[in-house]
Amino acid sequence: MRLPQTRVVRDVGERGSTAYRTAPKNLRLSPREVPARLVWLLLFGGQIGFFGWLFAAFGMIFVLVFVPRAHVPIVSYDRGAVGEITKVEPTSNHENERTIHRVHYEFTDERSVLRNGVGYSVDPPSVGARRRVDYEGRDPALSALEGTREKPFDWSVIPLVALFPIVGLGFAGPQLRRGLRKLRALRYGVETLGKLVQKNEMNMSINERTIMALTFEYEVDGVKYRATEKVLDTSTLEDDPLERMLYDPRDPTLATTLDNLPGSPTITSDDEIAWKPSVAFHVLLLPAIFAVELVVFVGTIIFGVKLF
């Protein structure tokens, strides 16, 4: 049988003393209970996290628009024929300020069946011109006209548009990891005081504001440790000579300051979390939008659903 962990939340003196006999016994099951709204703010809030999810959700719009319409040459053709251009029409898409045209063509396969196909090009042939057509013998409906591609955009657009959500996740991902670390500190952490010993500018900025790395030193059982906070606004972490901190007793190298957390939480005398509640539902909006976009994108690629 495994017993639940407990933690003493009030020191009542040595065993056998008057204080021990008369004081109420205050034990709490571990871990502390963290309010749901505070959990959301820790995981998805903060200026860095907000920027990351905003960039990721906004960037996924371009992924949804361009990637399914980008030509990736994965089909291997084993037959050839001569095709004739039947229609050329401009589209609303552009590449390097040049209009992408939709080119309709027809050809006769090896079974003497007339087939139709569509290609795209910024330099289309004229109607009536004849060009080579490659097609798949098992399924002649799959074909490619020489000098054109099967979809409006070239494959090179894929890494370009994918860069936007990748950059966004590059900010949101580490912030999420930091949020999980801070959440663990709130649930299991032991209070201590830390001193600011180092302040550095990072090679990243948001809205022309440089992200700062503030390093705090604290002591646990005579051993000194350091923890670094990455923030845009350093005022709450520089207003006191010593900052209130929580460290993980299982791994003292993991710690967080309290003033920099949403609602400036504190640990009460009963070892509970007290904080200034604030609206938190909004921080879930952008991650939810990104998740929906990701599901739609996967469905579009797998099932070929056309969104635009």
Protein backbone atom coordinates (compact mmCIF):
# COMPACT_ATOMS: atom_id res chain seq x y z
CA MET A 1 0.00 0.00 0.00
CA ARG A 2 1.41 3.39 -1.02
CA LEU A 3 0.77 6.22 1.44
CA PRO A 4 0.10 9.75 0.13
CA GLN A 5 2.83 12.31 0.58
CA THR A 6 2.31 14.93 3.28
CA ARG A 7 4.11 18.12 4.12
CA VAL A 8 4.24 20.11 7.35
CA VAL A 9 2.74 23.54 6.83
CA ARG A 10 3.19 24.93 10.35
CA ASP A 11 6.10 24.32 12.70
CA VAL A 12 4.65 23.67 16.18
CA GLY A 13 7.88 23.07 18.07
CA GLU A 14 9.73 20.02 19.24
CA ARG A 15 7.91 16.84 20.11
CA GLY A 16 6.93 16.79 23.79
CA SER A 17 7.02 20.56 24.18
CA THR A 18 4.04 22.64 25.38
CA ALA A 19 3.70 24.15 21.91
CA TYR A 20 3.62 20.69 20.36
CA ARG A 21 0.86 19.49 22.73
CA THR A 22 -1.39 22.54 22.43
CA ALA A 23 -0.94 23.69 18.83
CA PRO A 24 -3.28 22.33 16.12
CA LYS A 25 -1.70 19.81 13.78
CA ASN A 26 -1.61 21.25 10.27
CA LEU A 27 -0.73 18.78 7.59
CA ARG A 28 -1.67 19.06 3.93
CA LEU A 29 -1.61 16.39 1.29
CA SER A 30 1.02 17.18 -1.30
CA PRO A 31 0.95 18.93 -3.73
CA ARG A 32 -0.60 22.36 -3.25
CA GLU A 33 -3.72 23.08 -5.27
CA VAL A 34 -3.05 25.61 -8.03
CA PRO A 35 -6.11 27.51 -9.36
CA ALA A 36 -7.01 26.55 -12.92
CA ARG A 37 -6.80 30.13 -14.17
CA LEU A 38 -3.32 30.46 -12.74
CA VAL A 39 -2.31 27.23 -14.50
CA TRP A 40 -3.54 28.62 -17.84
CA LEU A 41 -1.69 31.88 -17.32
CA LEU A 42 1.50 30.04 -16.40
CA LEU A 43 1.41 27.76 -19.44
CA PHE A 44 0.08 30.08 -22.14
CA GLY A 45 0.30 33.62 -20.76
CA GLY A 46 3.06 36.17 -20.53
CA GLN A 47 4.24 38.56 -23.22
CA ILE A 48 6.70 36.11 -24.75
CA GLY A 49 4.16 33.29 -24.79
CA PHE A 50 1.43 35.53 -26.25
CA PHE A 51 3.74 36.67 -29.04
CA GLY A 52 4.73 33.08 -29.81
CA TRP A 53 1.17 31.77 -30.06
CA LEU A 54 0.09 34.85 -32.05
CA PHE A 55 2.88 34.32 -34.56
CA ALA A 56 2.18 30.57 -34.75
CA ALA A 57 -1.59 30.99 -35.25
CA PHE A 58 -1.14 33.80 -37.77
CA GLY A 59 1.56 31.87 -39.64
CA MET A 60 -0.63 28.78 -39.92
CA ILE A 61 -3.04 30.80 -42.07
CA PHE A 62 -0.34 31.05 -44.73
CA VAL A 63 0.43 27.35 -44.34
CA LEU A 64 -3.24 26.48 -44.90
CA VAL A 65 -3.43 28.74 -47.95
CA PHE A 66 -0.16 27.91 -49.72
CA VAL A 67 1.07 24.44 -48.77
CA PRO A 68 -1.91 22.43 -50.16
CA ARG A 69 -1.55 24.43 -53.39
CA ALA A 70 2.19 23.94 -53.74
CA HIS A 71 3.53 21.48 -56.30
CA VAL A 72 5.62 18.69 -54.82
CA PRO A 73 6.90 16.34 -57.57
CA ILE A 74 6.26 12.98 -55.94
CA VAL A 75 4.42 11.17 -58.76
CA SER A 76 6.61 9.18 -61.16
CA TYR A 77 5.32 9.03 -64.72
CA ASP A 78 6.10 6.09 -66.99
CA ARG A 79 4.29 7.03 -70.19
CA GLY A 80 4.52 9.89 -72.66
CA ALA A 81 2.31 11.51 -75.29
CA VAL A 82 1.89 14.74 -77.22
CA GLY A 83 -0.69 17.12 -75.83
CA GLU A 84 -2.43 20.18 -77.23
CA ILE A 85 -3.20 23.36 -75.32
CA THR A 86 -6.95 24.01 -75.32
CA LYS A 87 -7.32 26.97 -72.97
CA VAL A 88 -5.15 29.42 -71.05
CA GLU A 89 -6.58 31.63 -68.31
CA PRO A 90 -5.04 33.90 -65.66
CA THR A 91 -5.57 33.15 -61.99
CA SER A 92 -5.65 35.54 -59.03
CA ASN A 93 -2.29 34.18 -57.84
CA HIS A 94 1.10 35.74 -58.48
CA GLU A 95 4.70 34.65 -58.26
CA ASN A 96 7.44 37.29 -58.21
CA GLU A 97 4.85 39.82 -59.38
CA ARG A 98 4.01 37.64 -62.38
CA THR A 99 0.53 36.25 -62.89
CA ILE A 100 0.16 32.49 -62.60
CA HIS A 101 -1.89 31.07 -65.50
CA ARG A 102 -4.01 27.94 -65.57
CA VAL A 103 -3.26 25.87 -68.68
CA HIS A 104 -5.79 23.32 -69.95
CA TYR A 105 -4.62 20.60 -72.30
CA GLU A 106 -5.70 17.30 -73.80
CA PHE A 107 -3.86 14.22 -75.01
CA THR A 108 -4.56 10.69 -76.16
CA ASP A 109 -3.19 7.88 -74.01
CA GLU A 110 -1.87 4.51 -75.21
CA ARG A 111 -5.42 3.09 -75.13
CA SER A 112 -6.58 5.82 -77.56
CA VAL A 113 -8.63 7.47 -74.81
CA LEU A 114 -8.81 11.28 -74.89
CA ARG A 115 -7.61 12.72 -71.59
CA ASN A 116 -7.73 16.23 -70.14
CA GLY A 117 -5.33 17.86 -67.75
CA VAL A 118 -4.49 21.16 -66.07
CA GLY A 119 -1.13 22.77 -65.38
CA TYR A 120 0.07 26.10 -64.02
CA SER A 121 2.75 28.44 -65.27
CA VAL A 122 3.85 32.08 -65.18
CA ASP A 123 5.03 31.67 -68.77
CA PRO A 124 2.17 29.73 -70.40
CA PRO A 125 2.14 28.39 -73.96
CA SER A 126 -0.42 29.70 -76.42
CA VAL A 127 -3.66 27.94 -77.26
CA GLY A 128 -3.13 25.32 -79.94
CA ALA A 129 0.52 24.75 -79.07
CA ARG A 130 1.66 21.15 -78.75
CA ARG A 131 3.86 19.94 -75.92
CA ARG A 132 4.94 16.67 -74.37
CA VAL A 133 2.70 15.19 -71.68
CA ASP A 134 3.95 12.64 -69.15
CA TYR A 135 1.34 10.43 -67.51
CA GLU A 136 1.03 7.36 -65.33
CA GLY A 137 0.20 4.17 -67.19
CA ARG A 138 -1.91 2.71 -64.38
CA ASP A 139 -3.89 5.94 -64.01
CA PRO A 140 -3.63 8.20 -67.09
CA ALA A 141 -5.70 10.83 -65.26
CA LEU A 142 -2.45 11.70 -63.48
CA SER A 143 -0.43 13.71 -65.98
CA ALA A 144 1.95 16.65 -66.26
CA LEU A 145 2.41 19.07 -69.14
CA GLU A 146 5.98 19.99 -70.01
CA GLY A 147 6.87 23.46 -68.80
CA THR A 148 4.07 23.61 -66.22
CA ARG A 149 3.45 22.33 -62.71
CA GLU A 150 0.44 20.52 -61.33
CA LYS A 151 -0.44 23.13 -58.69
CA PRO A 152 -0.31 26.94 -58.68
CA PHE A 153 2.78 27.38 -56.49
CA ASP A 154 6.26 25.92 -56.59
CA TRP A 155 7.43 23.68 -53.74
CA SER A 156 9.88 26.39 -52.62
CA VAL A 157 6.97 28.30 -51.05
CA ILE A 158 6.61 25.56 -48.38
CA PRO A 159 9.70 26.33 -46.25
CA LEU A 160 8.99 30.04 -46.63
CA VAL A 161 5.48 29.92 -45.15
CA ALA A 162 6.39 27.18 -42.63
CA LEU A 163 8.95 29.56 -41.15
CA PHE A 164 6.21 31.69 -39.55
CA PRO A 165 4.63 29.04 -37.27
CA ILE A 166 8.05 27.55 -36.56
CA VAL A 167 9.30 30.91 -35.28
CA GLY A 168 6.12 31.30 -33.23
CA LEU A 169 6.53 27.87 -31.66
CA GLY A 170 10.18 28.75 -31.08
CA PHE A 171 8.94 31.39 -28.63
CA ALA A 172 5.86 29.56 -27.29
CA GLY A 173 7.53 26.18 -26.76
CA PRO A 174 10.24 27.31 -24.30
CA GLN A 175 7.68 29.50 -22.56
CA LEU A 176 5.46 26.43 -22.14
CA ARG A 177 8.37 24.48 -20.65
CA ARG A 178 9.13 27.34 -18.29
CA GLY A 179 5.46 27.46 -17.33
CA LEU A 180 5.50 23.75 -16.45
CA ARG A 181 8.60 24.32 -14.32
CA LYS A 182 6.96 27.23 -12.52
CA LEU A 183 3.79 25.19 -12.01
CA ARG A 184 5.79 22.41 -10.39
CA ALA A 185 7.50 24.95 -8.14
CA LEU A 186 4.12 26.30 -7.03
CA ARG A 187 2.82 22.83 -6.30
CA TYR A 188 5.84 21.39 -4.51
CA GLY A 189 8.19 24.32 -3.93
CA VAL A 190 9.87 25.55 -0.78
CA GLU A 191 10.20 29.27 -0.15
CA THR A 192 13.55 31.02 -0.13
CA LEU A 193 15.05 34.39 -1.04
CA GLY A 194 17.16 35.09 -4.08
CA LYS A 195 19.54 37.89 -4.97
CA LEU A 196 19.91 39.32 -8.46
CA VAL A 197 23.51 38.66 -9.49
CA GLN A 198 23.43 39.02 -13.26
CA LYS A 199 21.42 40.84 -15.92
CA ASN A 200 22.03 40.26 -19.63
CA GLU A 201 20.39 41.25 -22.89
CA MET A 202 19.42 38.38 -25.15
CA ASN A 203 19.69 38.39 -28.92
CA MET A 204 15.92 38.43 -29.26
CA SER A 205 13.38 41.21 -29.11
CA ILE A 206 9.60 41.60 -29.32
CA ASN A 207 8.07 44.84 -30.59
CA GLU A 208 11.52 46.44 -30.42
CA ARG A 209 11.87 45.45 -26.75
CA THR A 210 14.85 43.28 -25.91
CA ILE A 211 14.27 40.12 -23.89
CA MET A 212 16.31 40.27 -20.68
CA ALA A 213 17.82 37.35 -18.76
CA LEU A 214 17.96 37.94 -15.00
CA THR A 215 19.92 35.44 -12.90
CA PHE A 216 19.14 35.00 -9.20
CA GLU A 217 21.28 33.25 -6.61
CA TYR A 218 19.74 31.44 -3.65
CA GLU A 219 20.91 29.02 -0.98
CA VAL A 220 19.59 25.56 -0.08
CA ASP A 221 21.17 23.62 2.81
CA GLY A 222 24.34 25.67 2.55
CA VAL A 223 24.69 25.16 -1.21
CA LYS A 224 24.27 28.10 -3.60
CA TYR A 225 22.20 27.68 -6.76
CA ARG A 226 21.25 29.97 -9.62
CA ALA A 227 18.07 30.33 -11.67
CA THR A 228 17.44 32.58 -14.67
CA GLU A 229 14.22 34.40 -15.61
CA LYS A 230 13.66 35.64 -19.17
CA VAL A 231 11.36 38.66 -19.26
CA LEU A 232 10.55 41.83 -21.17
CA ASP A 233 9.67 43.93 -18.12
CA THR A 234 12.28 43.68 -15.36
CA SER A 235 10.70 46.18 -12.95
CA THR A 236 8.97 43.60 -10.74
CA LEU A 237 12.22 41.68 -10.34
CA GLU A 238 14.41 44.66 -9.49
CA ASP A 239 12.26 46.46 -6.92
CA ASP A 240 13.52 44.51 -3.89
CA PRO A 241 17.05 43.68 -2.69
CA LEU A 242 15.95 40.06 -2.24
CA GLU A 243 13.26 38.36 -4.31
CA ARG A 244 10.86 35.77 -2.97
CA MET A 245 11.45 32.45 -4.70
CA LEU A 246 10.27 28.85 -4.71
CA TYR A 247 12.62 25.97 -5.42
CA ASP A 248 11.84 22.33 -6.12
CA PRO A 249 13.00 20.28 -3.10
CA ARG A 250 13.58 17.27 -5.38
CA ASP A 251 15.80 19.32 -7.66
CA PRO A 252 16.96 22.60 -6.09
CA THR A 253 18.36 23.76 -9.43
CA LEU A 254 14.75 24.35 -10.54
CA ALA A 255 13.39 27.56 -9.06
CA THR A 256 11.23 30.55 -9.92
CA THR A 257 10.65 34.02 -8.58
CA LEU A 258 7.15 34.79 -7.31
CA ASP A 259 6.79 38.46 -8.25
CA ASN A 260 7.14 37.64 -11.92
CA LEU A 261 4.27 35.11 -11.88
CA PRO A 262 0.70 36.10 -12.87
CA GLY A 263 -1.14 37.66 -9.95
CA SER A 264 2.05 37.79 -7.83
CA PRO A 265 1.16 34.63 -5.85
CA THR A 266 2.25 34.15 -2.26
CA ILE A 267 2.39 31.15 0.05
CA THR A 268 0.21 31.66 3.13
CA SER A 269 0.97 30.53 6.68
CA ASP A 270 -1.18 27.47 5.97
CA ASP A 271 1.01 26.69 2.96
CA GLU A 272 -1.69 27.50 0.45
CA ILE A 273 -1.43 29.67 -2.68
CA ALA A 274 -2.88 33.16 -2.51
CA TRP A 275 -2.92 35.30 -5.64
CA LYS A 276 -4.76 38.14 -7.33
CA PRO A 277 -7.15 36.41 -9.74
CA SER A 278 -7.39 37.83 -13.25
CA VAL A 279 -9.07 36.97 -16.52
CA ALA A 280 -7.39 33.94 -18.06
CA PHE A 281 -9.69 32.51 -20.75
CA HIS A 282 -8.15 34.78 -23.39
CA VAL A 283 -4.76 33.07 -23.11
CA LEU A 284 -6.34 29.83 -24.35
CA LEU A 285 -7.72 31.43 -27.51
CA LEU A 286 -4.56 31.55 -29.63
CA PRO A 287 -3.33 28.02 -28.70
CA ALA A 288 -6.84 26.73 -29.46
CA ILE A 289 -6.87 28.48 -32.84
CA PHE A 290 -3.45 27.04 -33.66
CA ALA A 291 -4.59 23.54 -32.67
CA VAL A 292 -7.69 23.79 -34.89
CA GLU A 293 -5.59 25.07 -37.79
CA LEU A 294 -3.16 22.20 -37.34
CA VAL A 295 -5.99 19.63 -37.37
CA VAL A 296 -7.48 21.24 -40.49
CA PHE A 297 -4.08 21.24 -42.19
CA VAL A 298 -3.46 17.56 -41.46
CA GLY A 299 -6.97 16.72 -42.70
CA THR A 300 -6.39 18.76 -45.85
CA ILE A 301 -3.14 16.96 -46.63
CA ILE A 302 -4.45 13.47 -45.84
CA PHE A 303 -7.96 13.71 -47.30
CA GLY A 304 -7.34 16.36 -49.97
CA VAL A 305 -10.07 18.73 -48.81
CA LYS A 306 -9.90 22.03 -50.70
CA LEU A 307 -10.29 25.08 -48.47
CA PHE A 308 -9.50 27.77 -51.05
